[in-house]
Amino acid sequence: MVSNDQRRRQLAREKFLRQQQRREAARRRARMRNAVIASALAVVVAGGAVSYAAGAFDDDGKPKDEVNANPTKKPDPCEQPAGGKVKPLSFKKEPKLTIDKSADYAMKLGTTCGDIDLKLSAAKAPHTVNSFNFLVNKGYLDHTKCHRLTAGGIFVLQCGDPKGTGEGGPGYSIPDENLKDKSLKGNVYPAGTVAMANQYNAQEKKGRNTGGSQFFLVYQDSQLPPDYTPFGTISDSGMKVLKKIADAGESTGQGDGAPNATVVINKATVSKS
């Protein structure tokens, strides 16, 4: 016959086992959710790639937008790159601020897929615009690949890395700017925005002011917290080029990888008006 004390101990053991099972199930769900987020979107690398996990999924961990899971590579809609090589340039510190913050600046990306014209916000993001004015005049972006296309939760083409790996940079960093821009409503970077990549980790709240030369072009409204300097807008003709690139898809079929299109900046220029 089981004593009351033995019965109490047995019930306590059973309760403990049930608690352990519930905790393990919760840990498995958390690991699965984190794995989905990490594999789909979250990448932070030394060169300044964007950390994309925040805001890309709903509260249940499900993608807000269906990711194209078809790995079939689509035809390349772009031309072959012009002759020439990337210049291996590196600089010890941010260039001196020399732009006229009251003037209008524009940057033209002459790519293998067509020209992408950008209107730059010198008054709102002077350090960023000044940095690109400096780098472009050095030929820094010429012959570089746009190395990343995302197509799930966020919709961007990422460029500006001379290594083409997501790890390259100019050797210096620039401060975050214009993070309270009125265009960034509801944690959305609207289509037509050009913004800086960086190493900011929202969970740890570390990595501010780590922008370098990598930037992203938003071809469809994208859910992102306002942690990435918006420094310009894309022309209507440039948006058509981006759509052509996006329609060709990316290499993994999972919504985040190298673009199938051959996107190379043959020549970049910055002009003042």
C-alpha atoms as a PDB file:
ATOM      1  CA  MET A   1       0.000   0.000   0.000  1.00  0.00           C
ATOM      2  CA  VAL A   2       1.314   3.438  -0.942  1.00  0.00           C
ATOM      3  CA  SER A   3       1.664   5.859   1.950  1.00  0.00           C
ATOM      4  CA  ASN A   4       0.484   9.460   1.744  1.00  0.00           C
ATOM      5  CA  ASP A   5       4.098  10.612   1.788  1.00  0.00           C
ATOM      6  CA  GLN A   6       5.039   8.313  -1.108  1.00  0.00           C
ATOM      7  CA  ARG A   7       1.981   9.475  -3.031  1.00  0.00           C
ATOM      8  CA  ARG A   8       2.956  13.119  -2.529  1.00  0.00           C
ATOM      9  CA  ARG A   9       6.495  12.427  -3.780  1.00  0.00           C
ATOM     10  CA  GLN A  10       5.138  10.578  -6.806  1.00  0.00           C
ATOM     11  CA  LEU A  11       2.796  13.463  -7.672  1.00  0.00           C
ATOM     12  CA  ALA A  12       5.663  15.925  -7.225  1.00  0.00           C
ATOM     13  CA  ARG A  13       7.850  13.883  -9.608  1.00  0.00           C
ATOM     14  CA  GLU A  14       5.059  13.737 -12.192  1.00  0.00           C
ATOM     15  CA  LYS A  15       4.513  17.494 -11.908  1.00  0.00           C
ATOM     16  CA  PHE A  16       8.238  18.110 -12.327  1.00  0.00           C
ATOM     17  CA  LEU A  17       8.360  15.895 -15.419  1.00  0.00           C
ATOM     18  CA  ARG A  18       5.390  17.701 -16.959  1.00  0.00           C
ATOM     19  CA  GLN A  19       7.091  21.061 -16.333  1.00  0.00           C
ATOM     20  CA  GLN A  20      10.315  19.805 -17.902  1.00  0.00           C
ATOM     21  CA  GLN A  21       8.438  18.532 -20.954  1.00  0.00           C
ATOM     22  CA  ARG A  22       6.664  21.856 -21.391  1.00  0.00           C
ATOM     23  CA  ARG A  23       9.946  23.764 -21.063  1.00  0.00           C
ATOM     24  CA  GLU A  24      11.692  21.506 -23.570  1.00  0.00           C
ATOM     25  CA  ALA A  25       8.811  21.892 -26.028  1.00  0.00           C
ATOM     26  CA  ALA A  26       9.012  25.674 -25.623  1.00  0.00           C
ATOM     27  CA  ARG A  27      12.786  25.580 -26.211  1.00  0.00           C
ATOM     28  CA  ARG A  28      12.281  23.491 -29.373  1.00  0.00           C
ATOM     29  CA  ARG A  29       9.718  25.955 -30.691  1.00  0.00           C
ATOM     30  CA  ALA A  30      12.055  28.864 -29.922  1.00  0.00           C
ATOM     31  CA  ARG A  31      14.990  27.134 -31.644  1.00  0.00           C
ATOM     32  CA  MET A  32      12.878  26.394 -34.696  1.00  0.00           C
ATOM     33  CA  ARG A  33      11.616  29.962 -34.867  1.00  0.00           C
ATOM     34  CA  ASN A  34      15.102  31.402 -34.483  1.00  0.00           C
ATOM     35  CA  ALA A  35      16.449  29.033 -37.126  1.00  0.00           C
ATOM     36  CA  VAL A  36      13.785  30.156 -39.585  1.00  0.00           C
ATOM     37  CA  ILE A  37      14.522  33.803 -38.918  1.00  0.00           C
ATOM     38  CA  ALA A  38      18.299  33.324 -39.120  1.00  0.00           C
ATOM     39  CA  SER A  39      18.250  31.253 -42.290  1.00  0.00           C
ATOM     40  CA  ALA A  40      15.803  33.509 -44.092  1.00  0.00           C
ATOM     41  CA  LEU A  41      16.977  36.983 -43.286  1.00  0.00           C
ATOM     42  CA  ALA A  42      19.299  37.669 -40.382  1.00  0.00           C
ATOM     43  CA  VAL A  43      22.849  38.375 -41.515  1.00  0.00           C
ATOM     44  CA  VAL A  44      25.323  40.684 -39.806  1.00  0.00           C
ATOM     45  CA  VAL A  45      28.868  40.733 -41.192  1.00  0.00           C
ATOM     46  CA  ALA A  46      31.989  42.748 -40.533  1.00  0.00           C
ATOM     47  CA  GLY A  47      31.690  44.835 -43.686  1.00  0.00           C
ATOM     48  CA  GLY A  48      28.347  46.315 -42.734  1.00  0.00           C
ATOM     49  CA  ALA A  49      25.547  44.131 -44.123  1.00  0.00           C
ATOM     50  CA  VAL A  50      22.063  44.875 -42.862  1.00  0.00           C
ATOM     51  CA  SER A  51      20.609  42.913 -39.943  1.00  0.00           C
ATOM     52  CA  TYR A  52      17.198  42.020 -41.302  1.00  0.00           C
ATOM     53  CA  ALA A  53      15.466  39.779 -38.770  1.00  0.00           C
ATOM     54  CA  ALA A  54      13.627  42.471 -36.817  1.00  0.00           C
ATOM     55  CA  GLY A  55      10.143  43.148 -38.126  1.00  0.00           C
ATOM     56  CA  ALA A  56      10.243  40.623 -40.956  1.00  0.00           C
ATOM     57  CA  PHE A  57       7.991  38.077 -39.265  1.00  0.00           C
ATOM     58  CA  ASP A  58       4.687  38.217 -37.412  1.00  0.00           C
ATOM     59  CA  ASP A  59       4.202  37.229 -33.759  1.00  0.00           C
ATOM     60  CA  ASP A  60       3.824  33.553 -34.658  1.00  0.00           C
ATOM     61  CA  GLY A  61       7.157  33.460 -36.490  1.00  0.00           C
ATOM     62  CA  LYS A  62       5.496  33.138 -39.899  1.00  0.00           C
ATOM     63  CA  PRO A  63       6.724  35.173 -42.870  1.00  0.00           C
ATOM     64  CA  LYS A  64       4.525  38.149 -43.651  1.00  0.00           C
ATOM     65  CA  ASP A  65       5.186  37.568 -47.333  1.00  0.00           C
ATOM     66  CA  GLU A  66       5.507  34.226 -49.041  1.00  0.00           C
ATOM     67  CA  VAL A  67       9.086  33.487 -50.087  1.00  0.00           C
ATOM     68  CA  ASN A  68       9.648  32.038 -53.529  1.00  0.00           C
ATOM     69  CA  ALA A  69      10.832  28.527 -52.765  1.00  0.00           C
ATOM     70  CA  ASN A  70      11.408  27.574 -56.391  1.00  0.00           C
ATOM     71  CA  PRO A  71      15.196  27.268 -56.846  1.00  0.00           C
ATOM     72  CA  THR A  72      14.947  27.273 -60.656  1.00  0.00           C
ATOM     73  CA  LYS A  73      17.217  29.982 -61.947  1.00  0.00           C
ATOM     74  CA  LYS A  74      15.520  32.501 -64.194  1.00  0.00           C
ATOM     75  CA  PRO A  75      17.134  34.000 -67.312  1.00  0.00           C
ATOM     76  CA  ASP A  76      19.622  36.808 -66.792  1.00  0.00           C
ATOM     77  CA  PRO A  77      18.035  40.038 -68.100  1.00  0.00           C
ATOM     78  CA  CYS A  78      21.245  42.066 -67.906  1.00  0.00           C
ATOM     79  CA  GLU A  79      24.339  42.600 -70.030  1.00  0.00           C
ATOM     80  CA  GLN A  80      27.859  41.419 -69.358  1.00  0.00           C
ATOM     81  CA  PRO A  81      30.040  43.792 -67.310  1.00  0.00           C
ATOM     82  CA  ALA A  82      32.278  46.317 -68.996  1.00  0.00           C
ATOM     83  CA  GLY A  83      36.003  45.656 -68.954  1.00  0.00           C
ATOM     84  CA  GLY A  84      37.892  46.713 -65.851  1.00  0.00           C
ATOM     85  CA  LYS A  85      38.607  45.647 -62.288  1.00  0.00           C
ATOM     86  CA  VAL A  86      37.582  46.834 -58.840  1.00  0.00           C
ATOM     87  CA  LYS A  87      40.117  49.178 -57.271  1.00  0.00           C
ATOM     88  CA  PRO A  88      41.450  47.805 -53.944  1.00  0.00           C
ATOM     89  CA  LEU A  89      40.987  51.074 -52.049  1.00  0.00           C
ATOM     90  CA  SER A  90      41.007  51.555 -48.281  1.00  0.00           C
ATOM     91  CA  PHE A  91      41.121  54.722 -46.187  1.00  0.00           C
ATOM     92  CA  LYS A  92      42.087  55.298 -42.571  1.00  0.00           C
ATOM     93  CA  LYS A  93      39.385  57.787 -41.633  1.00  0.00           C
ATOM     94  CA  GLU A  94      36.173  59.384 -42.815  1.00  0.00           C
ATOM     95  CA  PRO A  95      36.828  62.108 -45.402  1.00  0.00           C
ATOM     96  CA  LYS A  96      36.581  65.728 -44.401  1.00  0.00           C
ATOM     97  CA  LEU A  97      33.103  67.193 -44.882  1.00  0.00           C
ATOM     98  CA  THR A  98      33.362  69.209 -48.101  1.00  0.00           C
ATOM     99  CA  ILE A  99      29.907  69.009 -49.697  1.00  0.00           C
ATOM    100  CA  ASP A 100      27.513  71.946 -49.757  1.00  0.00           C
ATOM    101  CA  LYS A 101      24.624  70.874 -47.525  1.00  0.00           C
ATOM    102  CA  SER A 102      22.321  73.407 -49.178  1.00  0.00           C
ATOM    103  CA  ALA A 103      22.943  72.047 -52.692  1.00  0.00           C
ATOM    104  CA  ASP A 104      21.277  69.213 -54.579  1.00  0.00           C
ATOM    105  CA  TYR A 105      23.328  66.093 -55.293  1.00  0.00           C
ATOM    106  CA  ALA A 106      22.571  63.110 -57.488  1.00  0.00           C
ATOM    107  CA  MET A 107      24.293  59.766 -57.928  1.00  0.00           C
ATOM    108  CA  LYS A 108      24.069  57.719 -61.121  1.00  0.00           C
ATOM    109  CA  LEU A 109      24.766  54.005 -60.982  1.00  0.00           C
ATOM    110  CA  GLY A 110      25.507  52.903 -64.534  1.00  0.00           C
ATOM    111  CA  THR A 111      24.827  49.183 -64.135  1.00  0.00           C
ATOM    112  CA  THR A 112      24.790  46.218 -66.496  1.00  0.00           C
ATOM    113  CA  CYS A 113      20.997  46.188 -66.061  1.00  0.00           C
ATOM    114  CA  GLY A 114      20.464  49.883 -66.814  1.00  0.00           C
ATOM    115  CA  ASP A 115      21.013  53.248 -65.160  1.00  0.00           C
ATOM    116  CA  ILE A 116      19.774  53.737 -61.593  1.00  0.00           C
ATOM    117  CA  ASP A 117      19.535  57.431 -60.754  1.00  0.00           C
ATOM    118  CA  LEU A 118      19.457  58.495 -57.110  1.00  0.00           C
ATOM    119  CA  LYS A 119      18.557  61.860 -55.623  1.00  0.00           C
ATOM    120  CA  LEU A 120      20.710  62.343 -52.521  1.00  0.00           C
ATOM    121  CA  SER A 121      19.654  64.098 -49.296  1.00  0.00           C
ATOM    122  CA  ALA A 122      22.716  66.222 -48.523  1.00  0.00           C
ATOM    123  CA  ALA A 123      20.917  68.383 -45.951  1.00  0.00           C
ATOM    124  CA  LYS A 124      19.541  65.406 -43.972  1.00  0.00           C
ATOM    125  CA  ALA A 125      22.465  63.000 -44.310  1.00  0.00           C
ATOM    126  CA  PRO A 126      25.561  65.133 -44.987  1.00  0.00           C
ATOM    127  CA  HIS A 127      28.146  62.618 -43.729  1.00  0.00           C
ATOM    128  CA  THR A 128      26.680  59.845 -45.866  1.00  0.00           C
ATOM    129  CA  VAL A 129      26.387  61.926 -49.020  1.00  0.00           C
ATOM    130  CA  ASN A 130      29.860  63.394 -48.466  1.00  0.00           C
ATOM    131  CA  SER A 131      31.288  59.886 -48.087  1.00  0.00           C
ATOM    132  CA  PHE A 132      29.768  58.693 -51.366  1.00  0.00           C
ATOM    133  CA  ASN A 133      30.886  61.857 -53.123  1.00  0.00           C
ATOM    134  CA  PHE A 134      34.428  61.077 -51.955  1.00  0.00           C
ATOM    135  CA  LEU A 135      34.343  57.352 -52.753  1.00  0.00           C
ATOM    136  CA  VAL A 136      32.694  57.688 -56.151  1.00  0.00           C
ATOM    137  CA  ASN A 137      35.209  60.309 -57.253  1.00  0.00           C
ATOM    138  CA  LYS A 138      37.946  57.806 -56.338  1.00  0.00           C
ATOM    139  CA  GLY A 139      36.301  55.169 -58.559  1.00  0.00           C
ATOM    140  CA  TYR A 140      35.516  53.036 -55.511  1.00  0.00           C
ATOM    141  CA  LEU A 141      32.170  51.660 -56.777  1.00  0.00           C
ATOM    142  CA  ASP A 142      33.256  51.083 -60.384  1.00  0.00           C
ATOM    143  CA  HIS A 143      33.053  47.403 -61.448  1.00  0.00           C
ATOM    144  CA  THR A 144      31.570  46.312 -58.097  1.00  0.00           C
ATOM    145  CA  LYS A 145      28.765  43.750 -57.878  1.00  0.00           C
ATOM    146  CA  CYS A 146      25.436  44.251 -56.172  1.00  0.00           C
ATOM    147  CA  HIS A 147      25.817  41.083 -54.146  1.00  0.00           C
ATOM    148  CA  ARG A 148      22.491  40.541 -52.384  1.00  0.00           C
ATOM    149  CA  LEU A 149      18.785  40.442 -53.277  1.00  0.00           C
ATOM    150  CA  THR A 150      16.061  39.807 -50.721  1.00  0.00           C
ATOM    151  CA  ALA A 151      12.485  38.887 -51.605  1.00  0.00           C
ATOM    152  CA  GLY A 152      10.657  37.946 -48.423  1.00  0.00           C
ATOM    153  CA  GLY A 153       9.540  40.323 -45.655  1.00  0.00           C
ATOM    154  CA  ILE A 154      11.976  42.903 -46.982  1.00  0.00           C
ATOM    155  CA  PHE A 155      12.616  43.699 -50.634  1.00  0.00           C
ATOM    156  CA  VAL A 156      16.022  45.213 -51.302  1.00  0.00           C
ATOM    157  CA  LEU A 157      19.042  45.050 -53.572  1.00  0.00           C
ATOM    158  CA  GLN A 158      22.297  45.531 -51.647  1.00  0.00           C
ATOM    159  CA  CYS A 159      25.389  47.040 -53.260  1.00  0.00           C
ATOM    160  CA  GLY A 160      28.560  48.918 -52.379  1.00  0.00           C
ATOM    161  CA  ASP A 161      30.878  46.090 -51.368  1.00  0.00           C
ATOM    162  CA  PRO A 162      34.077  45.971 -53.457  1.00  0.00           C
ATOM    163  CA  LYS A 163      34.614  42.358 -52.343  1.00  0.00           C
ATOM    164  CA  GLY A 164      31.150  41.280 -53.462  1.00  0.00           C
ATOM    165  CA  THR A 165      30.768  39.116 -50.353  1.00  0.00           C
ATOM    166  CA  GLY A 166      28.980  41.409 -47.892  1.00  0.00           C
ATOM    167  CA  GLU A 167      32.186  41.861 -45.888  1.00  0.00           C
ATOM    168  CA  GLY A 168      33.860  44.756 -47.689  1.00  0.00           C
ATOM    169  CA  GLY A 169      34.129  48.391 -46.676  1.00  0.00           C
ATOM    170  CA  PRO A 170      36.161  51.565 -47.180  1.00  0.00           C
ATOM    171  CA  GLY A 171      38.243  51.211 -44.014  1.00  0.00           C
ATOM    172  CA  TYR A 172      36.284  53.816 -42.059  1.00  0.00           C
ATOM    173  CA  SER A 173      32.767  54.147 -40.685  1.00  0.00           C
ATOM    174  CA  ILE A 174      30.279  57.010 -40.767  1.00  0.00           C
ATOM    175  CA  PRO A 175      27.602  58.068 -38.256  1.00  0.00           C
ATOM    176  CA  ASP A 176      23.949  57.107 -38.490  1.00  0.00           C
ATOM    177  CA  GLU A 177      21.853  59.983 -39.789  1.00  0.00           C
ATOM    178  CA  ASN A 178      18.249  60.927 -40.560  1.00  0.00           C
ATOM    179  CA  LEU A 179      16.753  58.012 -38.582  1.00  0.00           C
ATOM    180  CA  LYS A 180      13.672  60.092 -37.728  1.00  0.00           C
ATOM    181  CA  ASP A 181      12.869  60.915 -41.340  1.00  0.00           C
ATOM    182  CA  LYS A 182       9.140  61.407 -41.879  1.00  0.00           C
ATOM    183  CA  SER A 183       9.160  58.875 -44.710  1.00  0.00           C
ATOM    184  CA  LEU A 184       9.878  56.032 -42.252  1.00  0.00           C
ATOM    185  CA  LYS A 185       6.341  55.542 -40.932  1.00  0.00           C
ATOM    186  CA  GLY A 186       5.258  52.425 -39.088  1.00  0.00           C
ATOM    187  CA  ASN A 187       8.735  50.833 -39.289  1.00  0.00           C
ATOM    188  CA  VAL A 188       8.514  50.703 -43.070  1.00  0.00           C
ATOM    189  CA  TYR A 189      11.163  51.777 -45.556  1.00  0.00           C
ATOM    190  CA  PRO A 190       9.029  52.723 -48.562  1.00  0.00           C
ATOM    191  CA  ALA A 191       9.768  51.599 -52.094  1.00  0.00           C
ATOM    192  CA  GLY A 192      12.191  53.990 -53.753  1.00  0.00           C
ATOM    193  CA  THR A 193      14.339  54.538 -50.646  1.00  0.00           C
ATOM    194  CA  VAL A 194      18.118  54.204 -50.680  1.00  0.00           C
ATOM    195  CA  ALA A 195      19.623  53.569 -47.243  1.00  0.00           C
ATOM    196  CA  MET A 196      22.855  52.520 -45.549  1.00  0.00           C
ATOM    197  CA  ALA A 197      23.675  49.026 -44.385  1.00  0.00           C
ATOM    198  CA  ASN A 198      25.367  48.705 -40.998  1.00  0.00           C
ATOM    199  CA  GLN A 199      26.199  46.306 -38.166  1.00  0.00           C
ATOM    200  CA  TYR A 200      23.593  47.454 -35.667  1.00  0.00           C
ATOM    201  CA  ASN A 201      22.192  44.667 -33.464  1.00  0.00           C
ATOM    202  CA  ALA A 202      18.796  45.751 -32.171  1.00  0.00           C
ATOM    203  CA  GLN A 203      18.623  42.960 -29.584  1.00  0.00           C
ATOM    204  CA  GLU A 204      21.937  43.898 -27.967  1.00  0.00           C
ATOM    205  CA  LYS A 205      21.627  47.578 -28.893  1.00  0.00           C
ATOM    206  CA  LYS A 206      25.186  47.560 -30.177  1.00  0.00           C
ATOM    207  CA  GLY A 207      26.735  48.638 -33.459  1.00  0.00           C
ATOM    208  CA  ARG A 208      25.546  52.197 -33.952  1.00  0.00           C
ATOM    209  CA  ASN A 209      27.480  54.414 -36.374  1.00  0.00           C
ATOM    210  CA  THR A 210      28.986  51.490 -38.304  1.00  0.00           C
ATOM    211  CA  GLY A 211      27.975  52.399 -41.851  1.00  0.00           C
ATOM    212  CA  GLY A 212      30.690  52.044 -44.485  1.00  0.00           C
ATOM    213  CA  SER A 213      30.099  51.831 -48.221  1.00  0.00           C
ATOM    214  CA  GLN A 214      27.329  49.222 -48.444  1.00  0.00           C
ATOM    215  CA  PHE A 215      23.829  50.465 -49.168  1.00  0.00           C
ATOM    216  CA  PHE A 216      20.489  49.010 -50.151  1.00  0.00           C
ATOM    217  CA  LEU A 217      17.880  49.992 -52.721  1.00  0.00           C
ATOM    218  CA  VAL A 218      14.273  49.318 -51.659  1.00  0.00           C
ATOM    219  CA  TYR A 219      12.158  48.098 -54.595  1.00  0.00           C
ATOM    220  CA  GLN A 220       9.022  47.330 -52.536  1.00  0.00           C
ATOM    221  CA  ASP A 221       7.801  48.615 -49.166  1.00  0.00           C
ATOM    222  CA  SER A 222       9.888  46.785 -46.540  1.00  0.00           C
ATOM    223  CA  GLN A 223       9.244  46.251 -42.834  1.00  0.00           C
ATOM    224  CA  LEU A 224      12.388  47.426 -41.043  1.00  0.00           C
ATOM    225  CA  PRO A 225      13.014  49.393 -37.848  1.00  0.00           C
ATOM    226  CA  PRO A 226      14.430  52.897 -38.429  1.00  0.00           C
ATOM    227  CA  ASP A 227      18.047  51.890 -37.768  1.00  0.00           C
ATOM    228  CA  TYR A 228      19.495  52.410 -41.257  1.00  0.00           C
ATOM    229  CA  THR A 229      20.317  55.869 -42.595  1.00  0.00           C
ATOM    230  CA  PRO A 230      17.953  56.844 -45.428  1.00  0.00           C
ATOM    231  CA  PHE A 231      19.968  59.165 -47.638  1.00  0.00           C
ATOM    232  CA  GLY A 232      18.145  59.417 -50.932  1.00  0.00           C
ATOM    233  CA  THR A 233      15.417  58.310 -53.292  1.00  0.00           C
ATOM    234  CA  ILE A 234      15.385  56.293 -56.516  1.00  0.00           C
ATOM    235  CA  SER A 235      14.101  57.699 -59.801  1.00  0.00           C
ATOM    236  CA  ASP A 236      11.107  56.170 -61.612  1.00  0.00           C
ATOM    237  CA  SER A 237      13.387  54.841 -64.341  1.00  0.00           C
ATOM    238  CA  GLY A 238      15.687  53.401 -61.679  1.00  0.00           C
ATOM    239  CA  MET A 239      12.735  51.610 -60.087  1.00  0.00           C
ATOM    240  CA  LYS A 240      12.005  49.937 -63.431  1.00  0.00           C
ATOM    241  CA  VAL A 241      15.578  48.649 -63.517  1.00  0.00           C
ATOM    242  CA  LEU A 242      15.230  47.348 -59.949  1.00  0.00           C
ATOM    243  CA  LYS A 243      11.987  45.558 -60.849  1.00  0.00           C
ATOM    244  CA  LYS A 244      13.746  43.835 -63.739  1.00  0.00           C
ATOM    245  CA  ILE A 245      16.490  42.687 -61.360  1.00  0.00           C
ATOM    246  CA  ALA A 246      13.992  41.545 -58.712  1.00  0.00           C
ATOM    247  CA  ASP A 247      11.865  39.655 -61.241  1.00  0.00           C
ATOM    248  CA  ALA A 248      14.906  37.547 -62.160  1.00  0.00           C
ATOM    249  CA  GLY A 249      15.012  36.298 -58.550  1.00  0.00           C
ATOM    250  CA  GLU A 250      17.892  35.269 -56.333  1.00  0.00           C
ATOM    251  CA  SER A 251      20.170  32.250 -56.346  1.00  0.00           C
ATOM    252  CA  THR A 252      18.978  30.273 -53.299  1.00  0.00           C
ATOM    253  CA  GLY A 253      15.249  30.208 -54.004  1.00  0.00           C
ATOM    254  CA  GLN A 254      14.728  31.021 -50.303  1.00  0.00           C
ATOM    255  CA  GLY A 255      14.295  34.762 -50.658  1.00  0.00           C
ATOM    256  CA  ASP A 256      17.799  35.922 -49.708  1.00  0.00           C
ATOM    257  CA  GLY A 257      20.881  35.417 -51.863  1.00  0.00           C
ATOM    258  CA  ALA A 258      22.912  36.646 -54.793  1.00  0.00           C
ATOM    259  CA  PRO A 259      20.749  38.077 -57.578  1.00  0.00           C
ATOM    260  CA  ASN A 260      20.295  35.869 -60.625  1.00  0.00           C
ATOM    261  CA  ALA A 261      20.747  38.995 -62.730  1.00  0.00           C
ATOM    262  CA  THR A 262      24.333  40.094 -63.398  1.00  0.00           C
ATOM    263  CA  VAL A 263      24.186  43.375 -61.471  1.00  0.00           C
ATOM    264  CA  VAL A 264      27.516  45.166 -61.769  1.00  0.00           C
ATOM    265  CA  ILE A 265      28.064  48.909 -61.394  1.00  0.00           C
ATOM    266  CA  ASN A 266      30.176  49.634 -64.461  1.00  0.00           C
ATOM    267  CA  LYS A 267      30.475  53.298 -63.528  1.00  0.00           C
ATOM    268  CA  ALA A 268      29.197  55.473 -60.685  1.00  0.00           C
ATOM    269  CA  THR A 269      29.111  59.275 -60.738  1.00  0.00           C
ATOM    270  CA  VAL A 270      27.995  61.990 -58.310  1.00  0.00           C
ATOM    271  CA  SER A 271      26.927  65.414 -59.543  1.00  0.00           C
ATOM    272  CA  LYS A 272      26.013  68.677 -57.831  1.00  0.00           C
ATOM    273  CA  SER A 273      23.339  71.076 -59.044  1.00  0.00           C
END
